[in-house]
Amino acid sequence: MLISRFESDLRRKKSSFAWWRMLTWIMLLVAGFLGSQYLRHAQQVWTALQNLPAGDASHAAELRYMLDWDIGYLVAAFVVIVATAGCILRQSWARSVLRVVALVLGVWLAYRGVLLWHQWNALEQVGDAAVQQQLDGFKRPLLLAMGLQAFAVPALLWLAWQLGQPAVRLQFRPRS
């Protein structure tokens, strides 16, 4: 009895701006953009693979490897798009799926950020002047990528936590 009264009080409470919904929309837009980028790159790799001479097995293997990664990222972007669209439509199945997706993405981005940082430090220690000149052109985009990852990891972990809160859980339609 106490739980049902608690749930009904949460439903009547006027909610303020829901930041988790805004983050869900941002995830949908980013996943759609990145999915189109992966699709475009996969098409370019496929075209290059088709135009290779028959005896060029080493380059063909490298292109197939790149194509496999593109397809994997494209599938991941599709999963994010489906999960975020389901959350925007307040489907109950999508809440738990998006929690898992947000956790996996948060861990993946943290891992990739640490790898990027270590690679950057290793490249900066190279004493070759030509390498340092090339690094100067990559410094700003890499720092921007690390900054975005540093922002995205806590945001994704917060989203996963927020989707588990009772007040948010009650906003989703139960399965029928």
N, C-alpha and C. Protein backbone atom coordinates (compact mmCIF):
# COMPACT_ATOMS: atom_id res chain seq x y z
N MET A 1 0.82 -1.19 0.00
CA MET A 1 0.00 0.00 0.00
C MET A 1 0.87 1.26 0.00
N LEU A 2 1.91 1.23 0.78
CA LEU A 2 2.79 2.38 0.85
C LEU A 2 3.49 2.62 -0.49
N ILE A 3 3.89 1.56 -1.16
CA ILE A 3 4.58 1.70 -2.44
C ILE A 3 3.64 2.26 -3.50
N SER A 4 2.40 1.78 -3.54
CA SER A 4 1.48 2.27 -4.57
C SER A 4 1.15 3.73 -4.34
N ARG A 5 1.03 4.16 -3.07
CA ARG A 5 0.77 5.57 -2.78
C ARG A 5 1.98 6.41 -3.19
N PHE A 6 3.19 5.88 -2.95
CA PHE A 6 4.43 6.58 -3.34
C PHE A 6 4.50 6.76 -4.85
N GLU A 7 4.15 5.70 -5.58
CA GLU A 7 4.17 5.78 -7.04
C GLU A 7 3.13 6.76 -7.55
N SER A 8 1.93 6.77 -6.96
CA SER A 8 0.91 7.69 -7.44
C SER A 8 1.29 9.14 -7.12
N ASP A 9 1.98 9.36 -6.00
CA ASP A 9 2.46 10.72 -5.70
C ASP A 9 3.49 11.17 -6.72
N LEU A 10 4.33 10.26 -7.18
CA LEU A 10 5.33 10.63 -8.18
C LEU A 10 4.68 10.97 -9.52
N ARG A 11 3.61 10.28 -9.83
CA ARG A 11 2.94 10.56 -11.10
C ARG A 11 2.25 11.92 -11.09
N ARG A 12 1.73 12.34 -9.94
CA ARG A 12 1.04 13.61 -9.85
C ARG A 12 2.00 14.79 -9.76
N LYS A 13 3.21 14.53 -9.32
CA LYS A 13 4.18 15.61 -9.12
C LYS A 13 4.55 16.22 -10.47
N LYS A 14 4.46 17.53 -10.53
CA LYS A 14 4.87 18.23 -11.75
C LYS A 14 6.38 18.16 -11.84
N SER A 15 6.85 17.65 -12.96
CA SER A 15 8.29 17.51 -13.11
C SER A 15 8.88 18.76 -13.74
N SER A 16 10.08 19.06 -13.32
CA SER A 16 10.80 20.15 -13.94
C SER A 16 11.43 19.63 -15.22
N PHE A 17 12.29 20.43 -15.79
CA PHE A 17 12.94 20.03 -17.04
C PHE A 17 13.71 18.73 -16.83
N ALA A 18 13.50 17.77 -17.71
CA ALA A 18 14.14 16.46 -17.59
C ALA A 18 15.40 16.45 -18.46
N TRP A 19 16.54 16.58 -17.82
CA TRP A 19 17.81 16.59 -18.54
C TRP A 19 18.11 15.26 -19.19
N TRP A 20 17.59 14.16 -18.64
CA TRP A 20 17.85 12.86 -19.24
C TRP A 20 17.21 12.79 -20.63
N ARG A 21 16.08 13.46 -20.82
CA ARG A 21 15.45 13.47 -22.15
C ARG A 21 16.30 14.26 -23.14
N MET A 22 16.87 15.37 -22.68
CA MET A 22 17.73 16.17 -23.56
C MET A 22 18.96 15.36 -23.97
N LEU A 23 19.56 14.66 -23.02
CA LEU A 23 20.73 13.85 -23.33
C LEU A 23 20.36 12.70 -24.27
N THR A 24 19.16 12.16 -24.12
CA THR A 24 18.69 11.11 -25.03
C THR A 24 18.55 11.64 -26.46
N TRP A 25 18.01 12.84 -26.60
CA TRP A 25 17.91 13.45 -27.93
C TRP A 25 19.28 13.70 -28.53
N ILE A 26 20.21 14.18 -27.71
CA ILE A 26 21.57 14.43 -28.21
C ILE A 26 22.21 13.12 -28.66
N MET A 27 22.01 12.06 -27.88
CA MET A 27 22.55 10.75 -28.27
C MET A 27 21.95 10.29 -29.60
N LEU A 28 20.65 10.51 -29.78
CA LEU A 28 20.00 10.12 -31.04
C LEU A 28 20.60 10.88 -32.22
N LEU A 29 20.79 12.18 -32.06
CA LEU A 29 21.35 12.98 -33.15
C LEU A 29 22.79 12.60 -33.46
N VAL A 30 23.59 12.40 -32.42
CA VAL A 30 24.99 12.02 -32.63
C VAL A 30 25.09 10.64 -33.27
N ALA A 31 24.27 9.69 -32.80
CA ALA A 31 24.29 8.34 -33.37
C ALA A 31 23.85 8.36 -34.83
N GLY A 32 22.86 9.17 -35.16
CA GLY A 32 22.44 9.28 -36.56
C GLY A 32 23.53 9.87 -37.44
N PHE A 33 24.18 10.92 -36.95
CA PHE A 33 25.27 11.53 -37.70
C PHE A 33 26.43 10.55 -37.89
N LEU A 34 26.86 9.92 -36.79
CA LEU A 34 27.98 8.99 -36.89
C LEU A 34 27.63 7.77 -37.72
N GLY A 35 26.39 7.31 -37.64
CA GLY A 35 25.96 6.19 -38.47
C GLY A 35 26.07 6.53 -39.95
N SER A 36 25.69 7.75 -40.31
CA SER A 36 25.81 8.15 -41.72
C SER A 36 27.29 8.25 -42.13
N GLN A 37 28.15 8.69 -41.22
CA GLN A 37 29.58 8.75 -41.51
C GLN A 37 30.17 7.36 -41.69
N TYR A 38 29.79 6.41 -40.82
CA TYR A 38 30.28 5.04 -40.96
C TYR A 38 29.79 4.40 -42.25
N LEU A 39 28.54 4.68 -42.61
CA LEU A 39 27.99 4.14 -43.86
C LEU A 39 28.74 4.70 -45.06
N ARG A 40 29.01 5.99 -45.04
CA ARG A 40 29.74 6.61 -46.16
C ARG A 40 31.15 6.03 -46.27
N HIS A 41 31.83 5.88 -45.13
CA HIS A 41 33.18 5.33 -45.15
C HIS A 41 33.15 3.88 -45.62
N ALA A 42 32.17 3.11 -45.17
CA ALA A 42 32.06 1.71 -45.61
C ALA A 42 31.85 1.63 -47.12
N GLN A 43 31.06 2.55 -47.68
CA GLN A 43 30.86 2.57 -49.12
C GLN A 43 32.16 2.89 -49.85
N GLN A 44 32.93 3.82 -49.32
CA GLN A 44 34.21 4.16 -49.94
C GLN A 44 35.20 3.00 -49.86
N VAL A 45 35.23 2.32 -48.72
CA VAL A 45 36.12 1.16 -48.57
C VAL A 45 35.68 0.04 -49.50
N TRP A 46 34.38 -0.17 -49.63
CA TRP A 46 33.87 -1.21 -50.52
C TRP A 46 34.24 -0.91 -51.97
N THR A 47 34.12 0.35 -52.37
CA THR A 47 34.50 0.74 -53.72
C THR A 47 35.99 0.52 -53.95
N ALA A 48 36.81 0.88 -52.97
CA ALA A 48 38.26 0.66 -53.09
C ALA A 48 38.57 -0.82 -53.14
N LEU A 49 37.83 -1.62 -52.39
CA LEU A 49 38.04 -3.07 -52.38
C LEU A 49 37.68 -3.68 -53.73
N GLN A 50 36.64 -3.19 -54.35
CA GLN A 50 36.23 -3.70 -55.66
C GLN A 50 37.21 -3.31 -56.76
N ASN A 51 37.89 -2.18 -56.60
CA ASN A 51 38.82 -1.69 -57.62
C ASN A 51 40.24 -2.22 -57.46
N LEU A 52 40.49 -3.03 -56.42
CA LEU A 52 41.84 -3.58 -56.22
C LEU A 52 42.15 -4.63 -57.28
N PRO A 53 43.41 -4.72 -57.69
CA PRO A 53 43.80 -5.81 -58.60
C PRO A 53 43.67 -7.16 -57.88
N ALA A 54 43.50 -8.19 -58.64
CA ALA A 54 43.23 -9.53 -58.08
C ALA A 54 44.37 -10.06 -57.20
N GLY A 55 45.60 -9.71 -57.47
CA GLY A 55 46.72 -10.26 -56.71
C GLY A 55 47.10 -9.47 -55.47
N ASP A 56 46.40 -8.43 -55.14
CA ASP A 56 46.76 -7.56 -54.02
C ASP A 56 46.05 -8.02 -52.74
N ALA A 57 46.48 -9.16 -52.22
CA ALA A 57 45.80 -9.77 -51.07
C ALA A 57 46.05 -9.00 -49.78
N SER A 58 47.23 -8.42 -49.62
CA SER A 58 47.52 -7.72 -48.35
C SER A 58 46.66 -6.46 -48.19
N HIS A 59 46.53 -5.69 -49.28
CA HIS A 59 45.68 -4.50 -49.21
C HIS A 59 44.20 -4.90 -49.09
N ALA A 60 43.82 -5.99 -49.74
CA ALA A 60 42.44 -6.45 -49.64
C ALA A 60 42.11 -6.85 -48.20
N ALA A 61 43.05 -7.50 -47.53
CA ALA A 61 42.82 -7.90 -46.14
C ALA A 61 42.68 -6.68 -45.23
N GLU A 62 43.52 -5.66 -45.47
CA GLU A 62 43.42 -4.43 -44.69
C GLU A 62 42.09 -3.73 -44.92
N LEU A 63 41.64 -3.69 -46.17
CA LEU A 63 40.37 -3.04 -46.47
C LEU A 63 39.19 -3.83 -45.89
N ARG A 64 39.26 -5.15 -45.91
CA ARG A 64 38.20 -5.95 -45.29
C ARG A 64 38.15 -5.73 -43.79
N TYR A 65 39.31 -5.60 -43.17
CA TYR A 65 39.39 -5.31 -41.74
C TYR A 65 38.73 -3.96 -41.43
N MET A 66 39.03 -2.96 -42.26
CA MET A 66 38.40 -1.65 -42.08
C MET A 66 36.89 -1.73 -42.29
N LEU A 67 36.48 -2.52 -43.27
CA LEU A 67 35.06 -2.68 -43.54
C LEU A 67 34.36 -3.38 -42.38
N ASP A 68 35.02 -4.36 -41.79
CA ASP A 68 34.44 -5.04 -40.61
C ASP A 68 34.22 -4.05 -39.47
N TRP A 69 35.18 -3.18 -39.21
CA TRP A 69 35.02 -2.18 -38.16
C TRP A 69 33.91 -1.20 -38.49
N ASP A 70 33.82 -0.77 -39.75
CA ASP A 70 32.75 0.13 -40.15
C ASP A 70 31.39 -0.50 -39.93
N ILE A 71 31.25 -1.76 -40.29
CA ILE A 71 29.97 -2.44 -40.12
C ILE A 71 29.65 -2.61 -38.64
N GLY A 72 30.66 -2.94 -37.83
CA GLY A 72 30.45 -3.05 -36.39
C GLY A 72 30.00 -1.73 -35.77
N TYR A 73 30.65 -0.64 -36.15
CA TYR A 73 30.25 0.67 -35.65
C TYR A 73 28.87 1.07 -36.16
N LEU A 74 28.55 0.69 -37.39
CA LEU A 74 27.24 0.99 -37.95
C LEU A 74 26.15 0.24 -37.19
N VAL A 75 26.38 -1.01 -36.84
CA VAL A 75 25.42 -1.78 -36.04
C VAL A 75 25.26 -1.15 -34.66
N ALA A 76 26.38 -0.75 -34.04
CA ALA A 76 26.31 -0.10 -32.73
C ALA A 76 25.52 1.20 -32.80
N ALA A 77 25.73 1.98 -33.85
CA ALA A 77 24.99 3.23 -34.02
C ALA A 77 23.50 2.95 -34.19
N PHE A 78 23.16 1.87 -34.90
CA PHE A 78 21.76 1.50 -35.08
C PHE A 78 21.13 1.11 -33.75
N VAL A 79 21.86 0.37 -32.92
CA VAL A 79 21.34 -0.02 -31.60
C VAL A 79 21.09 1.23 -30.76
N VAL A 80 22.01 2.19 -30.80
CA VAL A 80 21.83 3.43 -30.05
C VAL A 80 20.62 4.19 -30.57
N ILE A 81 20.45 4.24 -31.88
CA ILE A 81 19.31 4.95 -32.47
C ILE A 81 17.99 4.31 -32.04
N VAL A 82 17.92 2.99 -32.08
CA VAL A 82 16.69 2.29 -31.68
C VAL A 82 16.40 2.51 -30.20
N ALA A 83 17.44 2.38 -29.36
CA ALA A 83 17.24 2.54 -27.92
C ALA A 83 16.83 3.97 -27.56
N THR A 84 17.47 4.95 -28.16
CA THR A 84 17.11 6.34 -27.84
C THR A 84 15.73 6.69 -28.38
N ALA A 85 15.39 6.20 -29.57
CA ALA A 85 14.05 6.46 -30.10
C ALA A 85 12.99 5.81 -29.21
N GLY A 86 13.28 4.62 -28.73
CA GLY A 86 12.34 3.96 -27.82
C GLY A 86 12.17 4.74 -26.53
N CYS A 87 13.26 5.31 -26.00
CA CYS A 87 13.17 6.12 -24.78
C CYS A 87 12.41 7.41 -25.03
N ILE A 88 12.63 8.01 -26.18
CA ILE A 88 11.91 9.24 -26.50
C ILE A 88 10.41 8.96 -26.58
N LEU A 89 10.05 7.78 -27.09
CA LEU A 89 8.64 7.38 -27.17
C LEU A 89 8.14 6.77 -25.87
N ARG A 90 9.00 6.72 -24.85
CA ARG A 90 8.70 6.23 -23.51
C ARG A 90 8.26 4.77 -23.48
N GLN A 91 8.91 3.97 -24.28
CA GLN A 91 8.68 2.53 -24.27
C GLN A 91 9.45 1.91 -23.11
N SER A 92 8.82 1.03 -22.36
CA SER A 92 9.47 0.50 -21.15
C SER A 92 10.67 -0.37 -21.49
N TRP A 93 10.64 -1.10 -22.59
CA TRP A 93 11.77 -1.95 -22.95
C TRP A 93 13.03 -1.12 -23.24
N ALA A 94 12.84 0.10 -23.72
CA ALA A 94 13.97 0.93 -24.15
C ALA A 94 14.74 1.50 -22.96
N ARG A 95 14.09 1.66 -21.83
CA ARG A 95 14.78 2.23 -20.67
C ARG A 95 15.93 1.35 -20.22
N SER A 96 15.68 0.07 -20.06
CA SER A 96 16.75 -0.83 -19.62
C SER A 96 17.80 -1.01 -20.71
N VAL A 97 17.37 -1.03 -21.97
CA VAL A 97 18.33 -1.15 -23.08
C VAL A 97 19.24 0.07 -23.13
N LEU A 98 18.66 1.27 -22.98
CA LEU A 98 19.47 2.47 -23.03
C LEU A 98 20.39 2.58 -21.81
N ARG A 99 19.97 2.05 -20.68
CA ARG A 99 20.88 2.03 -19.51
C ARG A 99 22.12 1.21 -19.83
N VAL A 100 21.94 0.04 -20.42
CA VAL A 100 23.07 -0.81 -20.77
C VAL A 100 23.92 -0.13 -21.84
N VAL A 101 23.27 0.44 -22.85
CA VAL A 101 23.99 1.12 -23.93
C VAL A 101 24.81 2.29 -23.37
N ALA A 102 24.23 3.07 -22.47
CA ALA A 102 24.94 4.21 -21.89
C ALA A 102 26.14 3.73 -21.07
N LEU A 103 25.98 2.65 -20.32
CA LEU A 103 27.11 2.12 -19.55
C LEU A 103 28.22 1.61 -20.46
N VAL A 104 27.84 0.85 -21.49
CA VAL A 104 28.84 0.31 -22.42
C VAL A 104 29.56 1.46 -23.15
N LEU A 105 28.80 2.45 -23.61
CA LEU A 105 29.42 3.59 -24.29
C LEU A 105 30.33 4.37 -23.35
N GLY A 106 29.91 4.54 -22.11
CA GLY A 106 30.74 5.25 -21.15
C GLY A 106 32.06 4.54 -20.91
N VAL A 107 32.00 3.22 -20.73
CA VAL A 107 33.23 2.45 -20.52
C VAL A 107 34.09 2.47 -21.78
N TRP A 108 33.47 2.32 -22.95
CA TRP A 108 34.21 2.33 -24.21
C TRP A 108 34.90 3.68 -24.43
N LEU A 109 34.19 4.76 -24.19
CA LEU A 109 34.80 6.09 -24.38
C LEU A 109 35.91 6.35 -23.38
N ALA A 110 35.75 5.89 -22.16
CA ALA A 110 36.82 6.05 -21.17
C ALA A 110 38.06 5.26 -21.60
N TYR A 111 37.84 4.04 -22.04
CA TYR A 111 38.95 3.19 -22.50
C TYR A 111 39.66 3.83 -23.70
N ARG A 112 38.89 4.28 -24.67
CA ARG A 112 39.48 4.90 -25.86
C ARG A 112 40.17 6.22 -25.52
N GLY A 113 39.64 6.95 -24.57
CA GLY A 113 40.29 8.19 -24.15
C GLY A 113 41.64 7.95 -23.50
N VAL A 114 41.70 6.92 -22.66
CA VAL A 114 42.98 6.58 -22.02
C VAL A 114 43.98 6.11 -23.07
N LEU A 115 43.53 5.28 -24.01
CA LEU A 115 44.42 4.84 -25.08
C LEU A 115 44.93 6.02 -25.92
N LEU A 116 44.03 6.93 -26.23
CA LEU A 116 44.41 8.10 -27.01
C LEU A 116 45.44 8.95 -26.26
N TRP A 117 45.24 9.11 -24.97
CA TRP A 117 46.17 9.87 -24.16
C TRP A 117 47.55 9.22 -24.14
N HIS A 118 47.59 7.89 -23.96
CA HIS A 118 48.88 7.19 -23.94
C HIS A 118 49.58 7.24 -25.30
N GLN A 119 48.82 7.10 -26.38
CA GLN A 119 49.41 7.19 -27.71
C GLN A 119 49.96 8.59 -27.96
N TRP A 120 49.22 9.58 -27.52
CA TRP A 120 49.66 10.96 -27.71
C TRP A 120 50.96 11.21 -26.96
N ASN A 121 51.03 10.74 -25.71
CA ASN A 121 52.25 10.92 -24.92
C ASN A 121 53.44 10.20 -25.55
N ALA A 122 53.19 9.01 -26.09
CA ALA A 122 54.28 8.26 -26.73
C ALA A 122 54.77 8.97 -27.99
N LEU A 123 53.86 9.52 -28.76
CA LEU A 123 54.25 10.23 -29.97
C LEU A 123 54.96 11.55 -29.67
N GLU A 124 54.58 12.21 -28.59
CA GLU A 124 55.24 13.47 -28.23
C GLU A 124 56.68 13.26 -27.80
N GLN A 125 57.00 12.06 -27.33
CA GLN A 125 58.36 11.78 -26.87
C GLN A 125 59.31 11.42 -28.01
N VAL A 126 58.76 11.22 -29.20
CA VAL A 126 59.61 10.93 -30.35
C VAL A 126 60.39 12.20 -30.70
N GLY A 127 61.70 12.07 -30.87
CA GLY A 127 62.55 13.24 -31.10
C GLY A 127 62.65 13.68 -32.55
N ASP A 128 62.01 12.97 -33.47
CA ASP A 128 62.11 13.30 -34.89
C ASP A 128 61.35 14.59 -35.19
N ALA A 129 61.99 15.52 -35.88
CA ALA A 129 61.38 16.81 -36.19
C ALA A 129 60.21 16.67 -37.16
N ALA A 130 60.30 15.72 -38.09
CA ALA A 130 59.20 15.52 -39.05
C ALA A 130 57.95 15.01 -38.34
N VAL A 131 58.13 14.11 -37.38
CA VAL A 131 56.99 13.59 -36.62
C VAL A 131 56.37 14.70 -35.79
N GLN A 132 57.19 15.53 -35.16
CA GLN A 132 56.68 16.64 -34.35
C GLN A 132 55.91 17.64 -35.20
N GLN A 133 56.36 17.86 -36.43
CA GLN A 133 55.66 18.79 -37.32
C GLN A 133 54.29 18.24 -37.70
N GLN A 134 54.21 16.93 -37.95
CA GLN A 134 52.92 16.32 -38.26
C GLN A 134 52.01 16.33 -37.04
N LEU A 135 52.56 16.14 -35.86
CA LEU A 135 51.75 16.14 -34.65
C LEU A 135 51.12 17.50 -34.37
N ASP A 136 51.81 18.56 -34.75
CA ASP A 136 51.27 19.89 -34.53
C ASP A 136 49.92 20.07 -35.24
N GLY A 137 49.76 19.46 -36.40
CA GLY A 137 48.49 19.54 -37.12
C GLY A 137 47.39 18.71 -36.48
N PHE A 138 47.76 17.68 -35.73
CA PHE A 138 46.77 16.81 -35.10
C PHE A 138 46.47 17.19 -33.66
N LYS A 139 47.22 18.11 -33.10
CA LYS A 139 47.09 18.41 -31.68
C LYS A 139 45.70 18.93 -31.32
N ARG A 140 45.23 19.92 -32.05
CA ARG A 140 43.94 20.52 -31.72
C ARG A 140 42.78 19.52 -31.86
N PRO A 141 42.65 18.77 -32.97
CA PRO A 141 41.55 17.79 -33.05
C PRO A 141 41.64 16.71 -31.97
N LEU A 142 42.84 16.27 -31.63
CA LEU A 142 42.97 15.23 -30.61
C LEU A 142 42.60 15.76 -29.23
N LEU A 143 43.01 16.99 -28.93
CA LEU A 143 42.63 17.58 -27.65
C LEU A 143 41.12 17.80 -27.58
N LEU A 144 40.51 18.19 -28.69
CA LEU A 144 39.06 18.35 -28.75
C LEU A 144 38.37 17.01 -28.53
N ALA A 145 38.87 15.96 -29.16
CA ALA A 145 38.29 14.63 -28.98
C ALA A 145 38.41 14.16 -27.53
N MET A 146 39.56 14.39 -26.92
CA MET A 146 39.73 14.00 -25.51
C MET A 146 38.82 14.82 -24.60
N GLY A 147 38.63 16.09 -24.91
CA GLY A 147 37.72 16.92 -24.13
C GLY A 147 36.28 16.46 -24.23
N LEU A 148 35.86 16.12 -25.45
CA LEU A 148 34.49 15.60 -25.63
C LEU A 148 34.30 14.27 -24.91
N GLN A 149 35.31 13.43 -24.96
CA GLN A 149 35.22 12.16 -24.24
C GLN A 149 35.18 12.39 -22.74
N ALA A 150 35.96 13.33 -22.24
CA ALA A 150 35.95 13.64 -20.81
C ALA A 150 34.59 14.16 -20.37
N PHE A 151 33.86 14.85 -21.24
CA PHE A 151 32.51 15.30 -20.93
C PHE A 151 31.50 14.17 -21.08
N ALA A 152 31.65 13.34 -22.12
CA ALA A 152 30.66 12.33 -22.44
C ALA A 152 30.62 11.19 -21.42
N VAL A 153 31.77 10.80 -20.88
CA VAL A 153 31.80 9.66 -19.96
C VAL A 153 30.93 9.91 -18.72
N PRO A 154 31.12 11.02 -17.98
CA PRO A 154 30.23 11.23 -16.83
C PRO A 154 28.77 11.45 -17.24
N ALA A 155 28.55 12.08 -18.40
CA ALA A 155 27.18 12.30 -18.85
C ALA A 155 26.47 10.97 -19.13
N LEU A 156 27.17 10.03 -19.76
CA LEU A 156 26.57 8.73 -20.04
C LEU A 156 26.34 7.93 -18.77
N LEU A 157 27.28 7.99 -17.85
CA LEU A 157 27.10 7.29 -16.58
C LEU A 157 25.95 7.90 -15.78
N TRP A 158 25.82 9.22 -15.83
CA TRP A 158 24.70 9.87 -15.17
C TRP A 158 23.37 9.47 -15.81
N LEU A 159 23.35 9.37 -17.14
CA LEU A 159 22.12 8.95 -17.83
C LEU A 159 21.73 7.53 -17.42
N ALA A 160 22.69 6.63 -17.35
CA ALA A 160 22.38 5.26 -16.93
C ALA A 160 21.83 5.25 -15.51
N TRP A 161 22.39 6.05 -14.63
CA TRP A 161 21.89 6.14 -13.25
C TRP A 161 20.50 6.76 -13.23
N GLN A 162 20.30 7.81 -13.99
CA GLN A 162 19.03 8.52 -14.00
C GLN A 162 17.89 7.63 -14.51
N LEU A 163 18.17 6.81 -15.52
CA LEU A 163 17.14 5.93 -16.07
C LEU A 163 16.71 4.85 -15.09
N GLY A 164 17.48 4.63 -14.05
CA GLY A 164 17.10 3.67 -13.02
C GLY A 164 16.33 4.27 -11.86
N GLN A 165 16.19 5.58 -11.83
CA GLN A 165 15.49 6.24 -10.73
C GLN A 165 13.98 5.98 -10.84
N PRO A 166 13.30 5.82 -9.69
CA PRO A 166 11.85 5.55 -9.72
C PRO A 166 11.05 6.64 -10.42
N ALA A 167 11.40 7.89 -10.23
CA ALA A 167 10.64 8.97 -10.86
C ALA A 167 10.73 8.89 -12.38
N VAL A 168 11.87 8.50 -12.90
CA VAL A 168 12.03 8.36 -14.35
C VAL A 168 11.37 7.07 -14.82
N ARG A 169 11.53 6.00 -14.06
CA ARG A 169 10.95 4.72 -14.43
C ARG A 169 9.44 4.81 -14.60
N LEU A 170 8.79 5.62 -13.77
CA LEU A 170 7.34 5.76 -13.86
C LEU A 170 6.87 6.52 -15.09
N GLN A 171 7.76 7.20 -15.77
CA GLN A 171 7.38 7.95 -16.95
C GLN A 171 7.27 7.07 -18.20
N PHE A 172 7.67 5.81 -18.08
CA PHE A 172 7.64 4.90 -19.22
C PHE A 172 6.39 4.05 -19.19
N ARG A 173 5.87 3.76 -20.38
CA ARG A 173 4.68 2.92 -20.50
C ARG A 173 5.02 1.47 -20.22
N PRO A 174 4.20 0.81 -19.43
CA PRO A 174 4.45 -0.62 -19.20
C PRO A 174 4.15 -1.42 -20.47
N ARG A 175 4.75 -2.59 -20.53
CA ARG A 175 4.49 -3.45 -21.69
C ARG A 175 3.04 -3.88 -21.69
N SER A 176 2.47 -3.92 -22.88
CA SER A 176 1.06 -4.33 -22.95
C SER A 176 0.92 -5.66 -23.65
